[in-house]
C-alpha atoms as a PDB file:
ATOM      1  CA  MET A   1       0.152   0.051   0.059  1.00  0.00           C
ATOM      2  CA  ALA A   2       3.101   2.296  -0.336  1.00  0.00           C
ATOM      3  CA  GLY A   3       1.885   5.697  -1.573  1.00  0.00           C
ATOM      4  CA  SER A   4      -1.781   5.179  -0.772  1.00  0.00           C
ATOM      5  CA  ASP A   5      -3.756   7.199   1.884  1.00  0.00           C
ATOM      6  CA  VAL A   6      -5.970   4.570   3.621  1.00  0.00           C
ATOM      7  CA  ASN A   7      -7.872   7.596   4.929  1.00  0.00           C
ATOM      8  CA  GLU A   8      -8.632   9.360   1.724  1.00  0.00           C
ATOM      9  CA  GLN A   9     -11.995  10.163   1.542  1.00  0.00           C
ATOM     10  CA  GLY A  10     -14.288   9.966  -1.733  1.00  0.00           C
ATOM     11  CA  PRO A  11     -15.241  13.315  -3.212  1.00  0.00           C
ATOM     12  CA  ALA A  12     -18.790  12.075  -3.688  1.00  0.00           C
ATOM     13  CA  ASN A  13     -19.853  10.625  -0.405  1.00  0.00           C
ATOM     14  CA  GLY A  14     -16.725  11.327   1.782  1.00  0.00           C
ATOM     15  CA  MET A  15     -16.359   7.378   2.455  1.00  0.00           C
ATOM     16  CA  THR A  16     -12.963   6.112   3.215  1.00  0.00           C
ATOM     17  CA  PRO A  17     -11.693   2.857   2.166  1.00  0.00           C
ATOM     18  CA  LEU A  18     -12.761   1.335   5.555  1.00  0.00           C
ATOM     19  CA  HIS A  19     -16.336   2.672   5.036  1.00  0.00           C
ATOM     20  CA  ASP A  20     -16.407   0.855   1.674  1.00  0.00           C
ATOM     21  CA  ALA A  21     -15.027  -2.175   3.141  1.00  0.00           C
ATOM     22  CA  VAL A  22     -17.422  -2.403   5.973  1.00  0.00           C
ATOM     23  CA  GLN A  23     -20.252  -1.449   4.106  1.00  0.00           C
ATOM     24  CA  ARG A  24     -19.719  -4.360   1.618  1.00  0.00           C
ATOM     25  CA  GLY A  25     -18.963  -6.608   4.496  1.00  0.00           C
ATOM     26  CA  ARG A  26     -15.427  -7.195   3.633  1.00  0.00           C
ATOM     27  CA  VAL A  27     -13.845  -8.049   6.935  1.00  0.00           C
ATOM     28  CA  ASP A  28     -10.472  -9.167   5.457  1.00  0.00           C
ATOM     29  CA  VAL A  29      -9.981  -5.813   3.840  1.00  0.00           C
ATOM     30  CA  ALA A  30     -11.241  -3.997   6.704  1.00  0.00           C
ATOM     31  CA  LYS A  31      -8.566  -5.827   8.904  1.00  0.00           C
ATOM     32  CA  LEU A  32      -5.815  -4.995   6.571  1.00  0.00           C
ATOM     33  CA  LEU A  33      -6.967  -1.326   6.293  1.00  0.00           C
ATOM     34  CA  LEU A  34      -6.883  -1.060  10.173  1.00  0.00           C
ATOM     35  CA  GLU A  35      -3.475  -2.674   9.955  1.00  0.00           C
ATOM     36  CA  PHE A  36      -2.127   0.053   7.905  1.00  0.00           C
ATOM     37  CA  ASP A  37      -3.594   2.625  10.279  1.00  0.00           C
ATOM     38  CA  ALA A  38      -6.833   3.315   8.723  1.00  0.00           C
ATOM     39  CA  ASN A  39      -8.804   5.753  11.069  1.00  0.00           C
ATOM     40  CA  PRO A  40     -12.068   4.347  12.222  1.00  0.00           C
ATOM     41  CA  ALA A  41     -13.347   7.737  13.566  1.00  0.00           C
ATOM     42  CA  ILE A  42     -13.575   9.614  10.280  1.00  0.00           C
ATOM     43  CA  GLU A  43     -17.138  10.481   9.371  1.00  0.00           C
ATOM     44  CA  ASP A  44     -18.436  10.455   5.648  1.00  0.00           C
ATOM     45  CA  TYR A  45     -20.452  13.436   4.527  1.00  0.00           C
ATOM     46  CA  ALA A  46     -23.650  12.025   6.040  1.00  0.00           C
ATOM     47  CA  GLY A  47     -21.879  12.006   9.473  1.00  0.00           C
ATOM     48  CA  ARG A  48     -21.455   8.068   9.694  1.00  0.00           C
ATOM     49  CA  THR A  49     -18.284   6.397  10.578  1.00  0.00           C
ATOM     50  CA  PRO A  50     -17.223   2.861   9.382  1.00  0.00           C
ATOM     51  CA  ARG A  51     -18.725   1.495  12.896  1.00  0.00           C
ATOM     52  CA  ASP A  52     -22.055   2.915  11.970  1.00  0.00           C
ATOM     53  CA  LEU A  53     -22.084   0.685   8.922  1.00  0.00           C
ATOM     54  CA  VAL A  54     -21.301  -2.508  10.675  1.00  0.00           C
ATOM     55  CA  GLY A  55     -24.904  -3.579  11.279  1.00  0.00           C
ATOM     56  CA  ASN A  56     -25.745  -6.985  12.663  1.00  0.00           C
ATOM     57  CA  ARG A  57     -22.448  -8.657  11.072  1.00  0.00           C
ATOM     58  CA  PRO A  58     -20.688 -10.680  13.911  1.00  0.00           C
ATOM     59  CA  GLU A  59     -17.139 -10.532  12.372  1.00  0.00           C
ATOM     60  CA  LEU A  60     -17.471  -6.899  11.841  1.00  0.00           C
ATOM     61  CA  LEU A  61     -18.830  -6.253  15.391  1.00  0.00           C
ATOM     62  CA  GLN A  62     -16.078  -8.244  17.077  1.00  0.00           C
ATOM     63  CA  LEU A  63     -13.396  -6.388  14.848  1.00  0.00           C
ATOM     64  CA  PHE A  64     -14.662  -2.839  15.854  1.00  0.00           C
ATOM     65  CA  SER A  65     -15.216  -4.021  19.545  1.00  0.00           C
ATOM     66  CA  ASN A  66     -11.509  -4.902  19.596  1.00  0.00           C
ATOM     67  CA  LEU A  67     -10.547  -1.106  18.917  1.00  0.00           C
ATOM     68  CA  ASP A  68     -12.210   0.208  22.184  1.00  0.00           C
END
């Protein structure tokens, strides 16, 4: 991921790659992004953090509970 900004927000909706991974249910990608210092506190343009997009997906719930 050299040269990439894992916290870059998309121009259309302000979502970061972590928002996108969580929204798509990609636990593997979310873990990788967090390992590369993705910030789970960044809000998109609607004011949602990646954690807000987790829903009832157990693996993602576990992943984000480990961040507390």
